[in-house]
Amino acid sequence: PGVNVPTLKEQGIDVVIGNWRGVYGAPGLTAPQRKALTDM
């Protein structure tokens, strides 16, 4: 949306791939600690 750039597919190259990002917490967190961090 709002970006006038052709897709690879419409140029005859059948490539579709997305890049997602997220966050992890430290090793050893308890379930309540994980929930608190998730809620934040």
PDB file of all heavy atoms in Angstrom:
ATOM      1  N   PRO A   1       0.827  -1.214   0.000  1.00  0.00           N
ATOM      2  CA  PRO A   1       0.000   0.000   0.000  1.00  0.00           C
ATOM      3  C   PRO A   1       0.858   1.260   0.000  1.00  0.00           C
ATOM      4  O   PRO A   1       1.780   1.400   0.799  1.00  0.00           O
ATOM      5  CB  PRO A   1      -0.803  -0.119   1.300  1.00  0.00           C
ATOM      6  CG  PRO A   1      -0.812  -1.581   1.604  1.00  0.00           C
ATOM      7  CD  PRO A   1       0.501  -2.105   1.124  1.00  0.00           C
ATOM      8  N   GLY A   2       0.582   2.144  -0.917  1.00  0.00           N
ATOM      9  CA  GLY A   2       1.298   3.411  -0.976  1.00  0.00           C
ATOM     10  C   GLY A   2       2.706   3.324  -1.524  1.00  0.00           C
ATOM     11  O   GLY A   2       3.444   4.311  -1.526  1.00  0.00           O
ATOM     12  N   VAL A   3       3.104   2.135  -1.985  1.00  0.00           N
ATOM     13  CA  VAL A   3       4.458   1.953  -2.520  1.00  0.00           C
ATOM     14  C   VAL A   3       4.334   1.447  -3.953  1.00  0.00           C
ATOM     15  O   VAL A   3       3.938   0.315  -4.191  1.00  0.00           O
ATOM     16  CB  VAL A   3       5.271   0.939  -1.671  1.00  0.00           C
ATOM     17  CG1 VAL A   3       6.671   0.776  -2.251  1.00  0.00           C
ATOM     18  CG2 VAL A   3       5.335   1.408  -0.227  1.00  0.00           C
ATOM     19  N   ASN A   4       4.687   2.280  -4.907  1.00  0.00           N
ATOM     20  CA  ASN A   4       4.517   1.924  -6.315  1.00  0.00           C
ATOM     21  C   ASN A   4       5.735   1.165  -6.847  1.00  0.00           C
ATOM     22  O   ASN A   4       6.475   1.636  -7.709  1.00  0.00           O
ATOM     23  CB  ASN A   4       4.264   3.178  -7.151  1.00  0.00           C
ATOM     24  CG  ASN A   4       3.856   2.840  -8.581  1.00  0.00           C
ATOM     25  OD1 ASN A   4       3.257   1.789  -8.831  1.00  0.00           O
ATOM     26  ND2 ASN A   4       4.199   3.716  -9.513  1.00  0.00           N
ATOM     27  N   VAL A   5       5.927  -0.028  -6.292  1.00  0.00           N
ATOM     28  CA  VAL A   5       7.041  -0.890  -6.722  1.00  0.00           C
ATOM     29  C   VAL A   5       6.455  -2.238  -7.134  1.00  0.00           C
ATOM     30  O   VAL A   5       5.695  -2.842  -6.368  1.00  0.00           O
ATOM     31  CB  VAL A   5       8.066  -1.089  -5.573  1.00  0.00           C
ATOM     32  CG1 VAL A   5       9.223  -1.955  -6.050  1.00  0.00           C
ATOM     33  CG2 VAL A   5       8.573   0.254  -5.069  1.00  0.00           C
ATOM     34  N   PRO A   6       6.786  -2.724  -8.333  1.00  0.00           N
ATOM     35  CA  PRO A   6       6.215  -3.999  -8.787  1.00  0.00           C
ATOM     36  C   PRO A   6       6.711  -5.183  -7.960  1.00  0.00           C
ATOM     37  O   PRO A   6       7.851  -5.187  -7.482  1.00  0.00           O
ATOM     38  CB  PRO A   6       6.681  -4.104 -10.235  1.00  0.00           C
ATOM     39  CG  PRO A   6       7.937  -3.290 -10.284  1.00  0.00           C
ATOM     40  CD  PRO A   6       7.701  -2.150  -9.333  1.00  0.00           C
ATOM     41  N   THR A   7       5.846  -6.155  -7.772  1.00  0.00           N
ATOM     42  CA  THR A   7       6.261  -7.383  -7.095  1.00  0.00           C
ATOM     43  C   THR A   7       7.112  -8.216  -8.032  1.00  0.00           C
ATOM     44  O   THR A   7       7.097  -8.028  -9.259  1.00  0.00           O
ATOM     45  CB  THR A   7       5.040  -8.211  -6.664  1.00  0.00           C
ATOM     46  OG1 THR A   7       4.374  -8.688  -7.841  1.00  0.00           O
ATOM     47  CG2 THR A   7       4.076  -7.386  -5.823  1.00  0.00           C
ATOM     48  N   LEU A   8       7.863  -9.148  -7.469  1.00  0.00           N
ATOM     49  CA  LEU A   8       8.629 -10.076  -8.303  1.00  0.00           C
ATOM     50  C   LEU A   8       7.677 -10.949  -9.111  1.00  0.00           C
ATOM     51  O   LEU A   8       7.928 -11.252 -10.280  1.00  0.00           O
ATOM     52  CB  LEU A   8       9.546 -10.933  -7.429  1.00  0.00           C
ATOM     53  CG  LEU A   8      10.658 -10.184  -6.683  1.00  0.00           C
ATOM     54  CD1 LEU A   8      11.403 -11.135  -5.755  1.00  0.00           C
ATOM     55  CD2 LEU A   8      11.640  -9.531  -7.664  1.00  0.00           C
ATOM     56  N   LYS A   9       6.563 -11.335  -8.491  1.00  0.00           N
ATOM     57  CA  LYS A   9       5.596 -12.207  -9.162  1.00  0.00           C
ATOM     58  C   LYS A   9       5.034 -11.571 -10.427  1.00  0.00           C
ATOM     59  O   LYS A   9       4.903 -12.237 -11.459  1.00  0.00           O
ATOM     60  CB  LYS A   9       4.446 -12.569  -8.214  1.00  0.00           C
ATOM     61  CG  LYS A   9       4.792 -13.638  -7.194  1.00  0.00           C
ATOM     62  CD  LYS A   9       3.563 -14.198  -6.528  1.00  0.00           C
ATOM     63  CE  LYS A   9       2.801 -15.114  -7.479  1.00  0.00           C
ATOM     64  NZ  LYS A   9       1.705 -15.836  -6.770  1.00  0.00           N
ATOM     65  N   GLU A  10       4.715 -10.290 -10.359  1.00  0.00           N
ATOM     66  CA  GLU A  10       4.143  -9.656 -11.547  1.00  0.00           C
ATOM     67  C   GLU A  10       5.189  -9.438 -12.641  1.00  0.00           C
ATOM     68  O   GLU A  10       4.844  -9.144 -13.787  1.00  0.00           O
ATOM     69  CB  GLU A  10       3.449  -8.338 -11.196  1.00  0.00           C
ATOM     70  CG  GLU A  10       4.357  -7.212 -10.772  1.00  0.00           C
ATOM     71  CD  GLU A  10       3.579  -5.954 -10.389  1.00  0.00           C
ATOM     72  OE1 GLU A  10       3.149  -5.840  -9.224  1.00  0.00           O
ATOM     73  OE2 GLU A  10       3.386  -5.084 -11.264  1.00  0.00           O
ATOM     74  N   GLN A  11       6.463  -9.629 -12.273  1.00  0.00           N
ATOM     75  CA  GLN A  11       7.535  -9.554 -13.263  1.00  0.00           C
ATOM     76  C   GLN A  11       7.930 -10.944 -13.765  1.00  0.00           C
ATOM     77  O   GLN A  11       8.952 -11.116 -14.431  1.00  0.00           O
ATOM     78  CB  GLN A  11       8.749  -8.839 -12.659  1.00  0.00           C
ATOM     79  CG  GLN A  11       8.458  -7.402 -12.242  1.00  0.00           C
ATOM     80  CD  GLN A  11       9.677  -6.710 -11.668  1.00  0.00           C
ATOM     81  OE1 GLN A  11      10.624  -6.365 -12.379  1.00  0.00           O
ATOM     82  NE2 GLN A  11       9.661  -6.471 -10.360  1.00  0.00           N
ATOM     83  N   GLY A  12       7.108 -11.935 -13.415  1.00  0.00           N
ATOM     84  CA  GLY A  12       7.339 -13.287 -13.917  1.00  0.00           C
ATOM     85  C   GLY A  12       8.301 -14.118 -13.092  1.00  0.00           C
ATOM     86  O   GLY A  12       8.729 -15.187 -13.526  1.00  0.00           O
ATOM     87  N   ILE A  13       8.638 -13.632 -11.877  1.00  0.00           N
ATOM     88  CA  ILE A  13       9.547 -14.369 -10.997  1.00  0.00           C
ATOM     89  C   ILE A  13       8.743 -14.811  -9.771  1.00  0.00           C
ATOM     90  O   ILE A  13       8.386 -13.983  -8.929  1.00  0.00           O
ATOM     91  CB  ILE A  13      10.750 -13.502 -10.571  1.00  0.00           C
ATOM     92  CG1 ILE A  13      11.469 -12.939 -11.802  1.00  0.00           C
ATOM     93  CG2 ILE A  13      11.721 -14.310  -9.720  1.00  0.00           C
ATOM     94  CD1 ILE A  13      12.506 -11.879 -11.465  1.00  0.00           C
ATOM     95  N   ASP A  14       8.453 -16.080  -9.650  1.00  0.00           N
ATOM     96  CA  ASP A  14       7.556 -16.580  -8.617  1.00  0.00           C
ATOM     97  C   ASP A  14       8.261 -16.697  -7.265  1.00  0.00           C
ATOM     98  O   ASP A  14       8.587 -17.785  -6.793  1.00  0.00           O
ATOM     99  CB  ASP A  14       6.991 -17.938  -9.046  1.00  0.00           C
ATOM    100  CG  ASP A  14       5.883 -18.418  -8.113  1.00  0.00           C
ATOM    101  OD1 ASP A  14       5.367 -17.587  -7.340  1.00  0.00           O
ATOM    102  OD2 ASP A  14       5.557 -19.620  -8.143  1.00  0.00           O
ATOM    103  N   VAL A  15       8.482 -15.550  -6.649  1.00  0.00           N
ATOM    104  CA  VAL A  15       9.143 -15.491  -5.341  1.00  0.00           C
ATOM    105  C   VAL A  15       8.330 -14.595  -4.414  1.00  0.00           C
ATOM    106  O   VAL A  15       8.099 -13.419  -4.716  1.00  0.00           O
ATOM    107  CB  VAL A  15      10.589 -14.945  -5.455  1.00  0.00           C
ATOM    108  CG1 VAL A  15      11.171 -14.695  -4.056  1.00  0.00           C
ATOM    109  CG2 VAL A  15      11.469 -15.908  -6.233  1.00  0.00           C
ATOM    110  N   VAL A  16       7.878 -15.162  -3.298  1.00  0.00           N
ATOM    111  CA  VAL A  16       7.193 -14.406  -2.249  1.00  0.00           C
ATOM    112  C   VAL A  16       7.794 -14.848  -0.918  1.00  0.00           C
ATOM    113  O   VAL A  16       7.779 -16.028  -0.583  1.00  0.00           O
ATOM    114  CB  VAL A  16       5.671 -14.677  -2.240  1.00  0.00           C
ATOM    115  CG1 VAL A  16       5.023 -13.949  -1.062  1.00  0.00           C
ATOM    116  CG2 VAL A  16       5.034 -14.244  -3.550  1.00  0.00           C
ATOM    117  N   ILE A  17       8.345 -13.911  -0.167  1.00  0.00           N
ATOM    118  CA  ILE A  17       8.927 -14.258   1.124  1.00  0.00           C
ATOM    119  C   ILE A  17       8.848 -13.042   2.037  1.00  0.00           C
ATOM    120  O   ILE A  17       9.140 -11.918   1.625  1.00  0.00           O
ATOM    121  CB  ILE A  17      10.391 -14.754   0.984  1.00  0.00           C
ATOM    122  CG1 ILE A  17      10.937 -15.195   2.339  1.00  0.00           C
ATOM    123  CG2 ILE A  17      11.284 -13.704   0.332  1.00  0.00           C
ATOM    124  CD1 ILE A  17      12.282 -15.913   2.256  1.00  0.00           C
ATOM    125  N   GLY A  18       8.405 -13.257   3.268  1.00  0.00           N
ATOM    126  CA  GLY A  18       8.278 -12.171   4.229  1.00  0.00           C
ATOM    127  C   GLY A  18       9.349 -12.230   5.299  1.00  0.00           C
ATOM    128  O   GLY A  18       9.982 -13.262   5.529  1.00  0.00           O
ATOM    129  N   ASN A  19       9.547 -11.112   5.950  1.00  0.00           N
ATOM    130  CA  ASN A  19      10.537 -11.001   7.019  1.00  0.00           C
ATOM    131  C   ASN A  19       9.815 -10.515   8.272  1.00  0.00           C
ATOM    132  O   ASN A  19       9.275  -9.416   8.291  1.00  0.00           O
ATOM    133  CB  ASN A  19      11.637 -10.010   6.618  1.00  0.00           C
ATOM    134  CG  ASN A  19      12.712  -9.877   7.679  1.00  0.00           C
ATOM    135  OD1 ASN A  19      12.845 -10.723   8.550  1.00  0.00           O
ATOM    136  ND2 ASN A  19      13.492  -8.816   7.605  1.00  0.00           N
ATOM    137  N   TRP A  20       9.746 -11.362   9.303  1.00  0.00           N
ATOM    138  CA  TRP A  20       9.070 -10.970  10.536  1.00  0.00           C
ATOM    139  C   TRP A  20      10.093 -10.701  11.633  1.00  0.00           C
ATOM    140  O   TRP A  20      11.220 -11.181  11.577  1.00  0.00           O
ATOM    141  CB  TRP A  20       8.091 -12.057  10.994  1.00  0.00           C
ATOM    142  CG  TRP A  20       8.726 -13.397  11.228  1.00  0.00           C
ATOM    143  CD1 TRP A  20       8.907 -14.389  10.314  1.00  0.00           C
ATOM    144  CD2 TRP A  20       9.316 -13.869  12.450  1.00  0.00           C
ATOM    145  NE1 TRP A  20       9.553 -15.457  10.885  1.00  0.00           N
ATOM    146  CE2 TRP A  20       9.811 -15.170  12.197  1.00  0.00           C
ATOM    147  CE3 TRP A  20       9.444 -13.333  13.731  1.00  0.00           C
ATOM    148  CZ2 TRP A  20      10.450 -15.928  13.182  1.00  0.00           C
ATOM    149  CZ3 TRP A  20      10.087 -14.088  14.709  1.00  0.00           C
ATOM    150  CH2 TRP A  20      10.575 -15.377  14.425  1.00  0.00           C
ATOM    151  N   ARG A  21       9.668  -9.913  12.620  1.00  0.00           N
ATOM    152  CA  ARG A  21      10.544  -9.595  13.751  1.00  0.00           C
ATOM    153  C   ARG A  21       9.769  -9.723  15.052  1.00  0.00           C
ATOM    154  O   ARG A  21       8.560  -9.490  15.095  1.00  0.00           O
ATOM    155  CB  ARG A  21      11.109  -8.169  13.628  1.00  0.00           C
ATOM    156  CG  ARG A  21      11.906  -7.956  12.356  1.00  0.00           C
ATOM    157  CD  ARG A  21      12.678  -6.643  12.353  1.00  0.00           C
ATOM    158  NE  ARG A  21      13.223  -6.419  11.023  1.00  0.00           N
ATOM    159  CZ  ARG A  21      12.770  -5.505  10.170  1.00  0.00           C
ATOM    160  NH1 ARG A  21      11.794  -4.700  10.536  1.00  0.00           N
ATOM    161  NH2 ARG A  21      13.310  -5.375   8.971  1.00  0.00           N
ATOM    162  N   GLY A  22      10.488 -10.098  16.101  1.00  0.00           N
ATOM    163  CA  GLY A  22       9.859 -10.243  17.401  1.00  0.00           C
ATOM    164  C   GLY A  22      10.860 -10.057  18.512  1.00  0.00           C
ATOM    165  O   GLY A  22      11.965  -9.540  18.289  1.00  0.00           O
ATOM    166  N   VAL A  23      10.488 -10.468  19.722  1.00  0.00           N
ATOM    167  CA  VAL A  23      11.382 -10.346  20.872  1.00  0.00           C
ATOM    168  C   VAL A  23      11.338 -11.610  21.720  1.00  0.00           C
ATOM    169  O   VAL A  23      10.313 -12.293  21.803  1.00  0.00           O
ATOM    170  CB  VAL A  23      11.026  -9.123  21.760  1.00  0.00           C
ATOM    171  CG1 VAL A  23      11.454  -7.827  21.106  1.00  0.00           C
ATOM    172  CG2 VAL A  23       9.537  -9.091  22.089  1.00  0.00           C
ATOM    173  N   TYR A  24      12.475 -11.908  22.330  1.00  0.00           N
ATOM    174  CA  TYR A  24      12.613 -13.017  23.279  1.00  0.00           C
ATOM    175  C   TYR A  24      13.057 -12.445  24.616  1.00  0.00           C
ATOM    176  O   TYR A  24      13.689 -11.385  24.690  1.00  0.00           O
ATOM    177  CB  TYR A  24      13.669 -14.014  22.783  1.00  0.00           C
ATOM    178  CG  TYR A  24      13.105 -15.208  22.026  1.00  0.00           C
ATOM    179  CD1 TYR A  24      12.232 -15.029  20.965  1.00  0.00           C
ATOM    180  CD2 TYR A  24      13.466 -16.511  22.369  1.00  0.00           C
ATOM    181  CE1 TYR A  24      11.730 -16.120  20.259  1.00  0.00           C
ATOM    182  CE2 TYR A  24      12.967 -17.605  21.678  1.00  0.00           C
ATOM    183  CZ  TYR A  24      12.101 -17.401  20.621  1.00  0.00           C
ATOM    184  OH  TYR A  24      11.593 -18.487  19.932  1.00  0.00           O
ATOM    185  N   GLY A  25      12.742 -13.207  25.669  1.00  0.00           N
ATOM    186  CA  GLY A  25      13.210 -12.875  27.000  1.00  0.00           C
ATOM    187  C   GLY A  25      14.415 -13.731  27.360  1.00  0.00           C
ATOM    188  O   GLY A  25      14.840 -14.602  26.593  1.00  0.00           O
ATOM    189  N   ALA A  26      14.959 -13.494  28.532  1.00  0.00           N
ATOM    190  CA  ALA A  26      16.169 -14.187  28.979  1.00  0.00           C
ATOM    191  C   ALA A  26      15.914 -15.668  29.253  1.00  0.00           C
ATOM    192  O   ALA A  26      14.772 -16.101  29.426  1.00  0.00           O
ATOM    193  CB  ALA A  26      16.697 -13.514  30.237  1.00  0.00           C
ATOM    194  N   PRO A  27      16.978 -16.469  29.304  1.00  0.00           N
ATOM    195  CA  PRO A  27      16.831 -17.878  29.705  1.00  0.00           C
ATOM    196  C   PRO A  27      16.363 -17.975  31.150  1.00  0.00           C
ATOM    197  O   PRO A  27      16.639 -17.097  31.970  1.00  0.00           O
ATOM    198  CB  PRO A  27      18.262 -18.432  29.567  1.00  0.00           C
ATOM    199  CG  PRO A  27      18.972 -17.481  28.670  1.00  0.00           C
ATOM    200  CD  PRO A  27      18.366 -16.145  28.939  1.00  0.00           C
ATOM    201  N   GLY A  28      15.641 -19.036  31.463  1.00  0.00           N
ATOM    202  CA  GLY A  28      15.302 -19.345  32.846  1.00  0.00           C
ATOM    203  C   GLY A  28      14.148 -18.580  33.443  1.00  0.00           C
ATOM    204  O   GLY A  28      13.966 -18.610  34.667  1.00  0.00           O
ATOM    205  N   LEU A  29      13.339 -17.895  32.649  1.00  0.00           N
ATOM    206  CA  LEU A  29      12.216 -17.154  33.220  1.00  0.00           C
ATOM    207  C   LEU A  29      11.117 -18.110  33.683  1.00  0.00           C
ATOM    208  O   LEU A  29      10.848 -19.123  33.045  1.00  0.00           O
ATOM    209  CB  LEU A  29      11.628 -16.177  32.195  1.00  0.00           C
ATOM    210  CG  LEU A  29      12.528 -15.046  31.674  1.00  0.00           C
ATOM    211  CD1 LEU A  29      11.699 -14.063  30.854  1.00  0.00           C
ATOM    212  CD2 LEU A  29      13.245 -14.337  32.814  1.00  0.00           C
ATOM    213  N   THR A  30      10.494 -17.756  34.788  1.00  0.00           N
ATOM    214  CA  THR A  30       9.345 -18.528  35.260  1.00  0.00           C
ATOM    215  C   THR A  30       8.121 -18.166  34.420  1.00  0.00           C
ATOM    216  O   THR A  30       8.123 -17.157  33.697  1.00  0.00           O
ATOM    217  CB  THR A  30       9.050 -18.209  36.730  1.00  0.00           C
ATOM    218  OG1 THR A  30       8.661 -16.823  36.827  1.00  0.00           O
ATOM    219  CG2 THR A  30      10.271 -18.461  37.609  1.00  0.00           C
ATOM    220  N   ALA A  31       7.069 -18.956  34.526  1.00  0.00           N
ATOM    221  CA  ALA A  31       5.836 -18.680  33.783  1.00  0.00           C
ATOM    222  C   ALA A  31       5.267 -17.300  34.134  1.00  0.00           C
ATOM    223  O   ALA A  31       4.868 -16.544  33.232  1.00  0.00           O
ATOM    224  CB  ALA A  31       4.821 -19.779  34.029  1.00  0.00           C
ATOM    225  N   PRO A  32       5.200 -16.923  35.441  1.00  0.00           N
ATOM    226  CA  PRO A  32       4.708 -15.575  35.772  1.00  0.00           C
ATOM    227  C   PRO A  32       5.601 -14.469  35.215  1.00  0.00           C
ATOM    228  O   PRO A  32       5.103 -13.416  34.789  1.00  0.00           O
ATOM    229  CB  PRO A  32       4.712 -15.566  37.307  1.00  0.00           C
ATOM    230  CG  PRO A  32       4.585 -17.004  37.697  1.00  0.00           C
ATOM    231  CD  PRO A  32       5.380 -17.744  36.663  1.00  0.00           C
ATOM    232  N   GLN A  33       6.921 -14.682  35.212  1.00  0.00           N
ATOM    233  CA  GLN A  33       7.827 -13.673  34.666  1.00  0.00           C
ATOM    234  C   GLN A  33       7.625 -13.528  33.155  1.00  0.00           C
ATOM    235  O   GLN A  33       7.628 -12.421  32.615  1.00  0.00           O
ATOM    236  CB  GLN A  33       9.281 -14.055  34.968  1.00  0.00           C
ATOM    237  CG  GLN A  33       9.678 -13.857  36.412  1.00  0.00           C
ATOM    238  CD  GLN A  33      11.079 -14.368  36.692  1.00  0.00           C
ATOM    239  OE1 GLN A  33      11.543 -15.353  36.108  1.00  0.00           O
ATOM    240  NE2 GLN A  33      11.767 -13.706  37.615  1.00  0.00           N
ATOM    241  N   ARG A  34       7.436 -14.657  32.478  1.00  0.00           N
ATOM    242  CA  ARG A  34       7.192 -14.600  31.042  1.00  0.00           C
ATOM    243  C   ARG A  34       5.898 -13.845  30.757  1.00  0.00           C
ATOM    244  O   ARG A  34       5.838 -13.019  29.838  1.00  0.00           O
ATOM    245  CB  ARG A  34       7.129 -16.011  30.451  1.00  0.00           C
ATOM    246  CG  ARG A  34       6.802 -16.021  28.955  1.00  0.00           C
ATOM    247  CD  ARG A  34       6.727 -17.425  28.373  1.00  0.00           C
ATOM    248  NE  ARG A  34       6.345 -17.367  26.962  1.00  0.00           N
ATOM    249  CZ  ARG A  34       6.229 -18.433  26.170  1.00  0.00           C
ATOM    250  NH1 ARG A  34       6.477 -19.648  26.639  1.00  0.00           N
ATOM    251  NH2 ARG A  34       5.871 -18.294  24.906  1.00  0.00           N
ATOM    252  N   LYS A  35       4.870 -14.117  31.533  1.00  0.00           N
ATOM    253  CA  LYS A  35       3.587 -13.442  31.336  1.00  0.00           C
ATOM    254  C   LYS A  35       3.718 -11.943  31.579  1.00  0.00           C
ATOM    255  O   LYS A  35       3.168 -11.124  30.823  1.00  0.00           O
ATOM    256  CB  LYS A  35       2.525 -14.025  32.262  1.00  0.00           C
ATOM    257  CG  LYS A  35       1.136 -13.404  32.043  1.00  0.00           C
ATOM    258  CD  LYS A  35       0.108 -13.967  32.996  1.00  0.00           C
ATOM    259  CE  LYS A  35      -1.282 -13.399  32.663  1.00  0.00           C
ATOM    260  NZ  LYS A  35      -1.298 -11.912  32.698  1.00  0.00           N
ATOM    261  N   ALA A  36       4.438 -11.567  32.620  1.00  0.00           N
ATOM    262  CA  ALA A  36       4.614 -10.148  32.926  1.00  0.00           C
ATOM    263  C   ALA A  36       5.338  -9.425  31.797  1.00  0.00           C
ATOM    264  O   ALA A  36       4.964  -8.311  31.402  1.00  0.00           O
ATOM    265  CB  ALA A  36       5.386  -9.988  34.241  1.00  0.00           C
ATOM    266  N   LEU A  37       6.377 -10.064  31.251  1.00  0.00           N
ATOM    267  CA  LEU A  37       7.139  -9.466  30.154  1.00  0.00           C
ATOM    268  C   LEU A  37       6.279  -9.387  28.896  1.00  0.00           C
ATOM    269  O   LEU A  37       6.312  -8.385  28.167  1.00  0.00           O
ATOM    270  CB  LEU A  37       8.402 -10.294  29.904  1.00  0.00           C
ATOM    271  CG  LEU A  37       9.557  -9.631  29.146  1.00  0.00           C
ATOM    272  CD1 LEU A  37       9.924  -8.287  29.761  1.00  0.00           C
ATOM    273  CD2 LEU A  37      10.772 -10.557  29.141  1.00  0.00           C
ATOM    274  N   THR A  38       5.497 -10.426  28.659  1.00  0.00           N
ATOM    275  CA  THR A  38       4.586 -10.423  27.510  1.00  0.00           C
ATOM    276  C   THR A  38       3.558  -9.308  27.638  1.00  0.00           C
ATOM    277  O   THR A  38       3.271  -8.593  26.665  1.00  0.00           O
ATOM    278  CB  THR A  38       3.871 -11.783  27.388  1.00  0.00           C
ATOM    279  OG1 THR A  38       4.843 -12.824  27.236  1.00  0.00           O
ATOM    280  CG2 THR A  38       2.934 -11.795  26.186  1.00  0.00           C
ATOM    281  N   ASP A  39       3.017  -9.141  28.835  1.00  0.00           N
ATOM    282  CA  ASP A  39       2.023  -8.085  29.069  1.00  0.00           C
ATOM    283  C   ASP A  39       2.629  -6.701  28.838  1.00  0.00           C
ATOM    284  O   ASP A  39       1.966  -5.788  28.322  1.00  0.00           O
ATOM    285  CB  ASP A  39       1.468  -8.169  30.490  1.00  0.00           C
ATOM    286  CG  ASP A  39       0.533  -9.358  30.688  1.00  0.00           C
ATOM    287  OD1 ASP A  39       0.106  -9.953  29.674  1.00  0.00           O
ATOM    288  OD2 ASP A  39       0.245  -9.705  31.852  1.00  0.00           O
ATOM    289  N   MET A  40       3.898  -6.524  29.218  1.00  0.00           N
ATOM    290  CA  MET A  40       4.583  -5.257  28.977  1.00  0.00           C
ATOM    291  C   MET A  40       4.655  -4.968  27.481  1.00  0.00           C
ATOM    292  O   MET A  40       4.361  -3.851  27.028  1.00  0.00           O
ATOM    293  CB  MET A  40       6.005  -5.302  29.550  1.00  0.00           C
ATOM    294  CG  MET A  40       6.114  -5.143  31.040  1.00  0.00           C
ATOM    295  SD  MET A  40       7.811  -5.446  31.612  1.00  0.00           S
ATOM    296  CE  MET A  40       8.746  -4.377  30.529  1.00  0.00           C
TER     297      MET A  40
END
